[in-house]
Amino acid sequence: RGAAARERAAALLERVGVGPPARRLRQYPHELSGGLRQRV
């Protein structure tokens, strides 16, 4: 939970090829392309 969950979320985005993770974590689904949404 908390900060640890956010760190884990960033690592998961990096694992599936979504970068930069720190910026993507703050975005909403409509701000991403179809391919990026599928990776999320």
PDB file of all heavy atoms in Angstrom:
ATOM      1  N   ARG A   1       0.843  -1.203   0.000  1.00  0.00           N
ATOM      2  CA  ARG A   1       0.000   0.000   0.000  1.00  0.00           C
ATOM      3  C   ARG A   1       0.874   1.247   0.000  1.00  0.00           C
ATOM      4  O   ARG A   1       2.082   1.178   0.172  1.00  0.00           O
ATOM      5  CB  ARG A   1      -0.907   0.025   1.241  1.00  0.00           C
ATOM      6  CG  ARG A   1      -1.935  -1.092   1.285  1.00  0.00           C
ATOM      7  CD  ARG A   1      -2.751  -1.037   2.577  1.00  0.00           C
ATOM      8  NE  ARG A   1      -3.709  -2.133   2.651  1.00  0.00           N
ATOM      9  CZ  ARG A   1      -4.916  -2.104   2.130  1.00  0.00           C
ATOM     10  NH1 ARG A   1      -5.341  -1.012   1.507  1.00  0.00           N
ATOM     11  NH2 ARG A   1      -5.717  -3.147   2.232  1.00  0.00           N
ATOM     12  N   GLY A   2       0.228   2.392  -0.198  1.00  0.00           N
ATOM     13  CA  GLY A   2       0.898   3.681  -0.095  1.00  0.00           C
ATOM     14  C   GLY A   2       2.046   3.851  -1.072  1.00  0.00           C
ATOM     15  O   GLY A   2       1.948   3.500  -2.248  1.00  0.00           O
ATOM     16  N   ALA A   3       3.163   4.379  -0.554  1.00  0.00           N
ATOM     17  CA  ALA A   3       4.319   4.668  -1.405  1.00  0.00           C
ATOM     18  C   ALA A   3       4.886   3.399  -2.021  1.00  0.00           C
ATOM     19  O   ALA A   3       5.342   3.395  -3.172  1.00  0.00           O
ATOM     20  CB  ALA A   3       5.396   5.378  -0.583  1.00  0.00           C
ATOM     21  N   ALA A   4       4.836   2.288  -1.279  1.00  0.00           N
ATOM     22  CA  ALA A   4       5.350   1.013  -1.809  1.00  0.00           C
ATOM     23  C   ALA A   4       4.517   0.555  -3.005  1.00  0.00           C
ATOM     24  O   ALA A   4       5.058   0.006  -3.972  1.00  0.00           O
ATOM     25  CB  ALA A   4       5.336  -0.043  -0.716  1.00  0.00           C
ATOM     26  N   ALA A   5       3.201   0.776  -2.942  1.00  0.00           N
ATOM     27  CA  ALA A   5       2.323   0.397  -4.052  1.00  0.00           C
ATOM     28  C   ALA A   5       2.631   1.240  -5.277  1.00  0.00           C
ATOM     29  O   ALA A   5       2.615   0.742  -6.407  1.00  0.00           O
ATOM     30  CB  ALA A   5       0.867   0.558  -3.643  1.00  0.00           C
ATOM     31  N   ARG A   6       2.924   2.518  -5.042  1.00  0.00           N
ATOM     32  CA  ARG A   6       3.243   3.403  -6.181  1.00  0.00           C
ATOM     33  C   ARG A   6       4.572   2.978  -6.833  1.00  0.00           C
ATOM     34  O   ARG A   6       4.695   3.000  -8.055  1.00  0.00           O
ATOM     35  CB  ARG A   6       3.308   4.851  -5.705  1.00  0.00           C
ATOM     36  CG  ARG A   6       3.327   5.868  -6.835  1.00  0.00           C
ATOM     37  CD  ARG A   6       3.091   7.273  -6.322  1.00  0.00           C
ATOM     38  NE  ARG A   6       3.087   8.210  -7.438  1.00  0.00           N
ATOM     39  CZ  ARG A   6       2.029   8.434  -8.205  1.00  0.00           C
ATOM     40  NH1 ARG A   6       0.903   7.779  -8.007  1.00  0.00           N
ATOM     41  NH2 ARG A   6       2.088   9.306  -9.205  1.00  0.00           N
ATOM     42  N   GLU A   7       5.537   2.609  -6.018  1.00  0.00           N
ATOM     43  CA  GLU A   7       6.822   2.131  -6.552  1.00  0.00           C
ATOM     44  C   GLU A   7       6.638   0.848  -7.356  1.00  0.00           C
ATOM     45  O   GLU A   7       7.207   0.666  -8.428  1.00  0.00           O
ATOM     46  CB  GLU A   7       7.807   1.888  -5.405  1.00  0.00           C
ATOM     47  CG  GLU A   7       8.367   3.160  -4.791  1.00  0.00           C
ATOM     48  CD  GLU A   7       9.324   2.848  -3.650  1.00  0.00           C
ATOM     49  OE1 GLU A   7       9.817   1.699  -3.573  1.00  0.00           O
ATOM     50  OE2 GLU A   7       9.566   3.752  -2.824  1.00  0.00           O
ATOM     51  N   ARG A   8       5.804  -0.040  -6.813  1.00  0.00           N
ATOM     52  CA  ARG A   8       5.523  -1.302  -7.500  1.00  0.00           C
ATOM     53  C   ARG A   8       4.777  -1.035  -8.817  1.00  0.00           C
ATOM     54  O   ARG A   8       5.055  -1.673  -9.833  1.00  0.00           O
ATOM     55  CB  ARG A   8       4.690  -2.197  -6.582  1.00  0.00           C
ATOM     56  CG  ARG A   8       4.097  -3.435  -7.224  1.00  0.00           C
ATOM     57  CD  ARG A   8       5.120  -4.494  -7.505  1.00  0.00           C
ATOM     58  NE  ARG A   8       4.478  -5.733  -7.925  1.00  0.00           N
ATOM     59  CZ  ARG A   8       5.020  -6.648  -8.701  1.00  0.00           C
ATOM     60  NH1 ARG A   8       6.266  -6.485  -9.131  1.00  0.00           N
ATOM     61  NH2 ARG A   8       4.383  -7.737  -9.031  1.00  0.00           N
ATOM     62  N   ALA A   9       3.842  -0.077  -8.812  1.00  0.00           N
ATOM     63  CA  ALA A   9       3.095   0.274 -10.020  1.00  0.00           C
ATOM     64  C   ALA A   9       4.033   0.792 -11.111  1.00  0.00           C
ATOM     65  O   ALA A   9       3.903   0.437 -12.290  1.00  0.00           O
ATOM     66  CB  ALA A   9       2.034   1.322  -9.694  1.00  0.00           C
ATOM     67  N   ALA A  10       5.005   1.634 -10.706  1.00  0.00           N
ATOM     68  CA  ALA A  10       5.978   2.157 -11.671  1.00  0.00           C
ATOM     69  C   ALA A  10       6.827   1.025 -12.250  1.00  0.00           C
ATOM     70  O   ALA A  10       7.096   0.988 -13.458  1.00  0.00           O
ATOM     71  CB  ALA A  10       6.866   3.205 -10.992  1.00  0.00           C
ATOM     72  N   ALA A  11       7.210   0.074 -11.404  1.00  0.00           N
ATOM     73  CA  ALA A  11       8.014  -1.061 -11.867  1.00  0.00           C
ATOM     74  C   ALA A  11       7.219  -1.932 -12.834  1.00  0.00           C
ATOM     75  O   ALA A  11       7.762  -2.447 -13.819  1.00  0.00           O
ATOM     76  CB  ALA A  11       8.484  -1.884 -10.669  1.00  0.00           C
ATOM     77  N   LEU A  12       5.928  -2.083 -12.558  1.00  0.00           N
ATOM     78  CA  LEU A  12       5.075  -2.878 -13.451  1.00  0.00           C
ATOM     79  C   LEU A  12       4.933  -2.216 -14.814  1.00  0.00           C
ATOM     80  O   LEU A  12       4.973  -2.890 -15.851  1.00  0.00           O
ATOM     81  CB  LEU A  12       3.692  -3.074 -12.811  1.00  0.00           C
ATOM     82  CG  LEU A  12       3.620  -4.102 -11.681  1.00  0.00           C
ATOM     83  CD1 LEU A  12       2.349  -3.925 -10.869  1.00  0.00           C
ATOM     84  CD2 LEU A  12       3.696  -5.521 -12.246  1.00  0.00           C
ATOM     85  N   LEU A  13       4.769  -0.887 -14.826  1.00  0.00           N
ATOM     86  CA  LEU A  13       4.673  -0.172 -16.104  1.00  0.00           C
ATOM     87  C   LEU A  13       5.962  -0.335 -16.898  1.00  0.00           C
ATOM     88  O   LEU A  13       5.934  -0.520 -18.121  1.00  0.00           O
ATOM     89  CB  LEU A  13       4.378   1.312 -15.863  1.00  0.00           C
ATOM     90  CG  LEU A  13       2.952   1.663 -15.418  1.00  0.00           C
ATOM     91  CD1 LEU A  13       2.803   3.172 -15.263  1.00  0.00           C
ATOM     92  CD2 LEU A  13       1.916   1.154 -16.419  1.00  0.00           C
ATOM     93  N   GLU A  14       7.082  -0.265 -16.201  1.00  0.00           N
ATOM     94  CA  GLU A  14       8.375  -0.441 -16.881  1.00  0.00           C
ATOM     95  C   GLU A  14       8.497  -1.861 -17.446  1.00  0.00           C
ATOM     96  O   GLU A  14       8.975  -2.062 -18.557  1.00  0.00           O
ATOM     97  CB  GLU A  14       9.511  -0.161 -15.900  1.00  0.00           C
ATOM     98  CG  GLU A  14      10.850   0.026 -16.591  1.00  0.00           C
ATOM     99  CD  GLU A  14      11.870   0.662 -15.662  1.00  0.00           C
ATOM    100  OE1 GLU A  14      11.610   0.749 -14.444  1.00  0.00           O
ATOM    101  OE2 GLU A  14      12.934   1.064 -16.161  1.00  0.00           O
ATOM    102  N   ARG A  15       8.012  -2.850 -16.695  1.00  0.00           N
ATOM    103  CA  ARG A  15       8.082  -4.245 -17.136  1.00  0.00           C
ATOM    104  C   ARG A  15       7.289  -4.463 -18.426  1.00  0.00           C
ATOM    105  O   ARG A  15       7.701  -5.224 -19.295  1.00  0.00           O
ATOM    106  CB  ARG A  15       7.533  -5.171 -16.044  1.00  0.00           C
ATOM    107  CG  ARG A  15       7.386  -6.606 -16.487  1.00  0.00           C
ATOM    108  CD  ARG A  15       6.773  -7.474 -15.404  1.00  0.00           C
ATOM    109  NE  ARG A  15       7.766  -7.951 -14.463  1.00  0.00           N
ATOM    110  CZ  ARG A  15       7.502  -8.699 -13.391  1.00  0.00           C
ATOM    111  NH1 ARG A  15       6.261  -9.023 -13.124  1.00  0.00           N
ATOM    112  NH2 ARG A  15       8.462  -9.112 -12.608  1.00  0.00           N
ATOM    113  N   VAL A  16       6.136  -3.777 -18.568  1.00  0.00           N
ATOM    114  CA  VAL A  16       5.305  -3.967 -19.765  1.00  0.00           C
ATOM    115  C   VAL A  16       5.627  -2.938 -20.860  1.00  0.00           C
ATOM    116  O   VAL A  16       4.891  -2.830 -21.845  1.00  0.00           O
ATOM    117  CB  VAL A  16       3.798  -3.937 -19.423  1.00  0.00           C
ATOM    118  CG1 VAL A  16       3.438  -5.063 -18.475  1.00  0.00           C
ATOM    119  CG2 VAL A  16       3.378  -2.588 -18.848  1.00  0.00           C
ATOM    120  N   GLY A  17       6.693  -2.187 -20.676  1.00  0.00           N
ATOM    121  CA  GLY A  17       7.150  -1.296 -21.740  1.00  0.00           C
ATOM    122  C   GLY A  17       6.468   0.043 -21.815  1.00  0.00           C
ATOM    123  O   GLY A  17       6.410   0.656 -22.889  1.00  0.00           O
ATOM    124  N   VAL A  18       5.956   0.537 -20.700  1.00  0.00           N
ATOM    125  CA  VAL A  18       5.322   1.862 -20.666  1.00  0.00           C
ATOM    126  C   VAL A  18       6.271   2.829 -19.974  1.00  0.00           C
ATOM    127  O   VAL A  18       6.617   2.645 -18.803  1.00  0.00           O
ATOM    128  CB  VAL A  18       3.971   1.831 -19.919  1.00  0.00           C
ATOM    129  CG1 VAL A  18       3.385   3.238 -19.829  1.00  0.00           C
ATOM    130  CG2 VAL A  18       2.995   0.911 -20.627  1.00  0.00           C
ATOM    131  N   GLY A  19       6.665   3.842 -20.673  1.00  0.00           N
ATOM    132  CA  GLY A  19       7.579   4.811 -20.082  1.00  0.00           C
ATOM    133  C   GLY A  19       7.256   6.232 -20.536  1.00  0.00           C
ATOM    134  O   GLY A  19       6.562   6.414 -21.537  1.00  0.00           O
ATOM    135  N   PRO A  20       7.761   7.251 -19.855  1.00  0.00           N
ATOM    136  CA  PRO A  20       8.406   7.135 -18.545  1.00  0.00           C
ATOM    137  C   PRO A  20       7.366   6.853 -17.464  1.00  0.00           C
ATOM    138  O   PRO A  20       6.345   7.532 -17.407  1.00  0.00           O
ATOM    139  CB  PRO A  20       9.051   8.512 -18.355  1.00  0.00           C
ATOM    140  CG  PRO A  20       8.211   9.441 -19.185  1.00  0.00           C
ATOM    141  CD  PRO A  20       7.715   8.640 -20.349  1.00  0.00           C
ATOM    142  N   PRO A  21       7.578   5.846 -16.610  1.00  0.00           N
ATOM    143  CA  PRO A  21       6.566   5.413 -15.640  1.00  0.00           C
ATOM    144  C   PRO A  21       6.056   6.523 -14.727  1.00  0.00           C
ATOM    145  O   PRO A  21       4.857   6.602 -14.450  1.00  0.00           O
ATOM    146  CB  PRO A  21       7.284   4.325 -14.836  1.00  0.00           C
ATOM    147  CG  PRO A  21       8.353   3.836 -15.732  1.00  0.00           C
ATOM    148  CD  PRO A  21       8.792   5.023 -16.524  1.00  0.00           C
ATOM    149  N   ALA A  22       6.961   7.382 -14.258  1.00  0.00           N
ATOM    150  CA  ALA A  22       6.556   8.426 -13.309  1.00  0.00           C
ATOM    151  C   ALA A  22       5.483   9.333 -13.894  1.00  0.00           C
ATOM    152  O   ALA A  22       4.532   9.725 -13.204  1.00  0.00           O
ATOM    153  CB  ALA A  22       7.774   9.245 -12.885  1.00  0.00           C
ATOM    154  N   ARG A  23       5.621   9.661 -15.187  1.00  0.00           N
ATOM    155  CA  ARG A  23       4.616  10.523 -15.832  1.00  0.00           C
ATOM    156  C   ARG A  23       3.344   9.750 -16.126  1.00  0.00           C
ATOM    157  O   ARG A  23       2.237  10.257 -15.919  1.00  0.00           O
ATOM    158  CB  ARG A  23       5.191  11.105 -17.126  1.00  0.00           C
ATOM    159  CG  ARG A  23       4.195  12.001 -17.876  1.00  0.00           C
ATOM    160  CD  ARG A  23       4.915  12.857 -18.898  1.00  0.00           C
ATOM    161  NE  ARG A  23       5.443  12.075 -19.995  1.00  0.00           N
ATOM    162  CZ  ARG A  23       4.767  11.809 -21.130  1.00  0.00           C
ATOM    163  NH1 ARG A  23       3.525  12.256 -21.276  1.00  0.00           N
ATOM    164  NH2 ARG A  23       5.316  11.115 -22.095  1.00  0.00           N
ATOM    165  N   ARG A  24       3.469   8.507 -16.591  1.00  0.00           N
ATOM    166  CA  ARG A  24       2.293   7.718 -16.951  1.00  0.00           C
ATOM    167  C   ARG A  24       1.411   7.442 -15.740  1.00  0.00           C
ATOM    168  O   ARG A  24       0.193   7.354 -15.868  1.00  0.00           O
ATOM    169  CB  ARG A  24       2.716   6.394 -17.589  1.00  0.00           C
ATOM    170  CG  ARG A  24       3.522   6.533 -18.870  1.00  0.00           C
ATOM    171  CD  ARG A  24       2.775   7.274 -19.945  1.00  0.00           C
ATOM    172  NE  ARG A  24       3.510   7.255 -21.217  1.00  0.00           N
ATOM    173  CZ  ARG A  24       3.169   7.959 -22.283  1.00  0.00           C
ATOM    174  NH1 ARG A  24       2.109   8.761 -22.230  1.00  0.00           N
ATOM    175  NH2 ARG A  24       3.892   7.886 -23.400  1.00  0.00           N
ATOM    176  N   LEU A  25       2.026   7.287 -14.565  1.00  0.00           N
ATOM    177  CA  LEU A  25       1.240   7.019 -13.355  1.00  0.00           C
ATOM    178  C   LEU A  25       0.230   8.132 -13.081  1.00  0.00           C
ATOM    179  O   LEU A  25      -0.844   7.889 -12.521  1.00  0.00           O
ATOM    180  CB  LEU A  25       2.160   6.854 -12.143  1.00  0.00           C
ATOM    181  CG  LEU A  25       2.990   5.573 -12.066  1.00  0.00           C
ATOM    182  CD1 LEU A  25       3.948   5.638 -10.891  1.00  0.00           C
ATOM    183  CD2 LEU A  25       2.093   4.347 -11.951  1.00  0.00           C
ATOM    184  N   ARG A  26       0.564   9.366 -13.478  1.00  0.00           N
ATOM    185  CA  ARG A  26      -0.306  10.513 -13.196  1.00  0.00           C
ATOM    186  C   ARG A  26      -1.368  10.721 -14.282  1.00  0.00           C
ATOM    187  O   ARG A  26      -2.244  11.574 -14.134  1.00  0.00           O
ATOM    188  CB  ARG A  26       0.536  11.785 -13.065  1.00  0.00           C
ATOM    189  CG  ARG A  26       1.554  11.751 -11.938  1.00  0.00           C
ATOM    190  CD  ARG A  26       2.149  13.134 -11.700  1.00  0.00           C
ATOM    191  NE  ARG A  26       2.870  13.626 -12.879  1.00  0.00           N
ATOM    192  CZ  ARG A  26       4.164  13.413 -13.111  1.00  0.00           C
ATOM    193  NH1 ARG A  26       4.877  12.694 -12.255  1.00  0.00           N
ATOM    194  NH2 ARG A  26       4.749  13.914 -14.183  1.00  0.00           N
ATOM    195  N   GLN A  27      -1.279   9.972 -15.372  1.00  0.00           N
ATOM    196  CA  GLN A  27      -2.190  10.179 -16.488  1.00  0.00           C
ATOM    197  C   GLN A  27      -3.470   9.357 -16.339  1.00  0.00           C
ATOM    198  O   GLN A  27      -3.522   8.366 -15.621  1.00  0.00           O
ATOM    199  CB  GLN A  27      -1.498   9.829 -17.808  1.00  0.00           C
ATOM    200  CG  GLN A  27      -0.381  10.810 -18.178  1.00  0.00           C
ATOM    201  CD  GLN A  27       0.217  10.505 -19.528  1.00  0.00           C
ATOM    202  OE1 GLN A  27       0.601   9.370 -19.801  1.00  0.00           O
ATOM    203  NE2 GLN A  27       0.309  11.518 -20.374  1.00  0.00           N
ATOM    204  N   TYR A  28      -4.498   9.818 -17.078  1.00  0.00           N
ATOM    205  CA  TYR A  28      -5.785   9.121 -17.121  1.00  0.00           C
ATOM    206  C   TYR A  28      -5.852   8.281 -18.395  1.00  0.00           C
ATOM    207  O   TYR A  28      -5.143   8.570 -19.374  1.00  0.00           O
ATOM    208  CB  TYR A  28      -6.931  10.132 -17.076  1.00  0.00           C
ATOM    209  CG  TYR A  28      -7.059  10.835 -15.740  1.00  0.00           C
ATOM    210  CD1 TYR A  28      -6.285  11.957 -15.447  1.00  0.00           C
ATOM    211  CD2 TYR A  28      -7.935  10.353 -14.772  1.00  0.00           C
ATOM    212  CE1 TYR A  28      -6.390  12.592 -14.210  1.00  0.00           C
ATOM    213  CE2 TYR A  28      -8.049  10.978 -13.534  1.00  0.00           C
ATOM    214  CZ  TYR A  28      -7.271  12.091 -13.269  1.00  0.00           C
ATOM    215  OH  TYR A  28      -7.371  12.712 -12.039  1.00  0.00           O
ATOM    216  N   PRO A  29      -6.699   7.245 -18.424  1.00  0.00           N
ATOM    217  CA  PRO A  29      -6.754   6.362 -19.598  1.00  0.00           C
ATOM    218  C   PRO A  29      -6.959   7.081 -20.928  1.00  0.00           C
ATOM    219  O   PRO A  29      -6.351   6.693 -21.938  1.00  0.00           O
ATOM    220  CB  PRO A  29      -7.939   5.440 -19.280  1.00  0.00           C
ATOM    221  CG  PRO A  29      -7.939   5.354 -17.785  1.00  0.00           C
ATOM    222  CD  PRO A  29      -7.532   6.726 -17.327  1.00  0.00           C
ATOM    223  N   HIS A  30      -7.756   8.157 -20.936  1.00  0.00           N
ATOM    224  CA  HIS A  30      -8.029   8.840 -22.207  1.00  0.00           C
ATOM    225  C   HIS A  30      -6.803   9.574 -22.749  1.00  0.00           C
ATOM    226  O   HIS A  30      -6.770   9.954 -23.924  1.00  0.00           O
ATOM    227  CB  HIS A  30      -9.201   9.822 -22.057  1.00  0.00           C
ATOM    228  CG  HIS A  30      -8.860  11.050 -21.254  1.00  0.00           C
ATOM    229  ND1 HIS A  30      -9.014  11.106 -19.887  1.00  0.00           N
ATOM    230  CD2 HIS A  30      -8.357  12.259 -21.636  1.00  0.00           C
ATOM    231  CE1 HIS A  30      -8.627  12.302 -19.457  1.00  0.00           C
ATOM    232  NE2 HIS A  30      -8.222  13.021 -20.490  1.00  0.00           N
ATOM    233  N   GLU A  31      -5.781   9.743 -21.913  1.00  0.00           N
ATOM    234  CA  GLU A  31      -4.567  10.415 -22.359  1.00  0.00           C
ATOM    235  C   GLU A  31      -3.566   9.459 -23.008  1.00  0.00           C
ATOM    236  O   GLU A  31      -2.513   9.895 -23.483  1.00  0.00           O
ATOM    237  CB  GLU A  31      -3.900  11.115 -21.173  1.00  0.00           C
ATOM    238  CG  GLU A  31      -4.755  12.203 -20.529  1.00  0.00           C
ATOM    239  CD  GLU A  31      -4.067  12.849 -19.341  1.00  0.00           C
ATOM    240  OE1 GLU A  31      -4.184  12.317 -18.218  1.00  0.00           O
ATOM    241  OE2 GLU A  31      -3.398  13.878 -19.559  1.00  0.00           O
ATOM    242  N   LEU A  32      -3.899   8.185 -23.039  1.00  0.00           N
ATOM    243  CA  LEU A  32      -2.995   7.173 -23.586  1.00  0.00           C
ATOM    244  C   LEU A  32      -3.533   6.622 -24.903  1.00  0.00           C
ATOM    245  O   LEU A  32      -4.733   6.607 -25.143  1.00  0.00           O
ATOM    246  CB  LEU A  32      -2.824   6.022 -22.594  1.00  0.00           C
ATOM    247  CG  LEU A  32      -2.364   6.376 -21.171  1.00  0.00           C
ATOM    248  CD1 LEU A  32      -2.294   5.119 -20.324  1.00  0.00           C
ATOM    249  CD2 LEU A  32      -1.018   7.081 -21.202  1.00  0.00           C
ATOM    250  N   SER A  33      -2.631   6.140 -25.740  1.00  0.00           N
ATOM    251  CA  SER A  33      -3.023   5.478 -26.988  1.00  0.00           C
ATOM    252  C   SER A  33      -3.611   4.103 -26.680  1.00  0.00           C
ATOM    253  O   SER A  33      -3.488   3.592 -25.558  1.00  0.00           O
ATOM    254  CB  SER A  33      -1.806   5.316 -27.901  1.00  0.00           C
ATOM    255  OG  SER A  33      -0.882   4.399 -27.316  1.00  0.00           O
ATOM    256  N   GLY A  34      -4.215   3.478 -27.693  1.00  0.00           N
ATOM    257  CA  GLY A  34      -4.792   2.151 -27.500  1.00  0.00           C
ATOM    258  C   GLY A  34      -3.767   1.124 -27.068  1.00  0.00           C
ATOM    259  O   GLY A  34      -4.022   0.298 -26.182  1.00  0.00           O
ATOM    260  N   GLY A  35      -2.577   1.182 -27.680  1.00  0.00           N
ATOM    261  CA  GLY A  35      -1.526   0.239 -27.325  1.00  0.00           C
ATOM    262  C   GLY A  35      -1.048   0.418 -25.893  1.00  0.00           C
ATOM    263  O   GLY A  35      -0.806  -0.561 -25.172  1.00  0.00           O
ATOM    264  N   LEU A  36      -0.914   1.683 -25.453  1.00  0.00           N
ATOM    265  CA  LEU A  36      -0.478   1.944 -24.078  1.00  0.00           C
ATOM    266  C   LEU A  36      -1.550   1.526 -23.075  1.00  0.00           C
ATOM    267  O   LEU A  36      -1.237   1.002 -22.000  1.00  0.00           O
ATOM    268  CB  LEU A  36      -0.142   3.424 -23.910  1.00  0.00           C
ATOM    269  CG  LEU A  36       1.187   3.885 -24.527  1.00  0.00           C
ATOM    270  CD1 LEU A  36       1.359   5.394 -24.354  1.00  0.00           C
ATOM    271  CD2 LEU A  36       2.368   3.148 -23.885  1.00  0.00           C
ATOM    272  N   ARG A  37      -2.819   1.757 -23.409  1.00  0.00           N
ATOM    273  CA  ARG A  37      -3.899   1.329 -22.507  1.00  0.00           C
ATOM    274  C   ARG A  37      -3.879  -0.192 -22.338  1.00  0.00           C
ATOM    275  O   ARG A  37      -4.096  -0.701 -21.235  1.00  0.00           O
ATOM    276  CB  ARG A  37      -5.261   1.786 -23.050  1.00  0.00           C
ATOM    277  CG  ARG A  37      -5.527   3.272 -22.892  1.00  0.00           C
ATOM    278  CD  ARG A  37      -6.983   3.612 -23.075  1.00  0.00           C
ATOM    279  NE  ARG A  37      -7.454   3.359 -24.423  1.00  0.00           N
ATOM    280  CZ  ARG A  37      -7.494   4.274 -25.404  1.00  0.00           C
ATOM    281  NH1 ARG A  37      -7.077   5.505 -25.162  1.00  0.00           N
ATOM    282  NH2 ARG A  37      -7.952   3.961 -26.595  1.00  0.00           N
ATOM    283  N   GLN A  38      -3.621  -0.905 -23.444  1.00  0.00           N
ATOM    284  CA  GLN A  38      -3.567  -2.360 -23.342  1.00  0.00           C
ATOM    285  C   GLN A  38      -2.399  -2.800 -22.458  1.00  0.00           C
ATOM    286  O   GLN A  38      -2.509  -3.758 -21.690  1.00  0.00           O
ATOM    287  CB  GLN A  38      -3.447  -2.980 -24.733  1.00  0.00           C
ATOM    288  CG  GLN A  38      -3.714  -4.469 -24.794  1.00  0.00           C
ATOM    289  CD  GLN A  38      -5.104  -4.843 -24.333  1.00  0.00           C
ATOM    290  OE1 GLN A  38      -5.394  -4.837 -23.138  1.00  0.00           O
ATOM    291  NE2 GLN A  38      -5.972  -5.186 -25.279  1.00  0.00           N
ATOM    292  N   ARG A  39      -1.278  -2.088 -22.540  1.00  0.00           N
ATOM    293  CA  ARG A  39      -0.128  -2.405 -21.689  1.00  0.00           C
ATOM    294  C   ARG A  39      -0.439  -2.115 -20.218  1.00  0.00           C
ATOM    295  O   ARG A  39       0.014  -2.826 -19.322  1.00  0.00           O
ATOM    296  CB  ARG A  39       1.102  -1.624 -22.147  1.00  0.00           C
ATOM    297  CG  ARG A  39       1.679  -2.140 -23.467  1.00  0.00           C
ATOM    298  CD  ARG A  39       2.755  -1.206 -23.999  1.00  0.00           C
ATOM    299  NE  ARG A  39       3.219  -1.630 -25.321  1.00  0.00           N
ATOM    300  CZ  ARG A  39       4.303  -2.360 -25.543  1.00  0.00           C
ATOM    301  NH1 ARG A  39       5.068  -2.744 -24.533  1.00  0.00           N
ATOM    302  NH2 ARG A  39       4.656  -2.697 -26.771  1.00  0.00           N
ATOM    303  N   VAL A  40      -1.202  -1.058 -19.970  1.00  0.00           N
ATOM    304  CA  VAL A  40      -1.618  -0.765 -18.593  1.00  0.00           C
ATOM    305  C   VAL A  40      -2.498  -1.894 -18.064  1.00  0.00           C
ATOM    306  O   VAL A  40      -2.363  -2.328 -16.915  1.00  0.00           O
ATOM    307  CB  VAL A  40      -2.359   0.588 -18.524  1.00  0.00           C
ATOM    308  CG1 VAL A  40      -3.026   0.776 -17.157  1.00  0.00           C
ATOM    309  CG2 VAL A  40      -1.399   1.745 -18.798  1.00  0.00           C
TER     310      VAL A  40
END
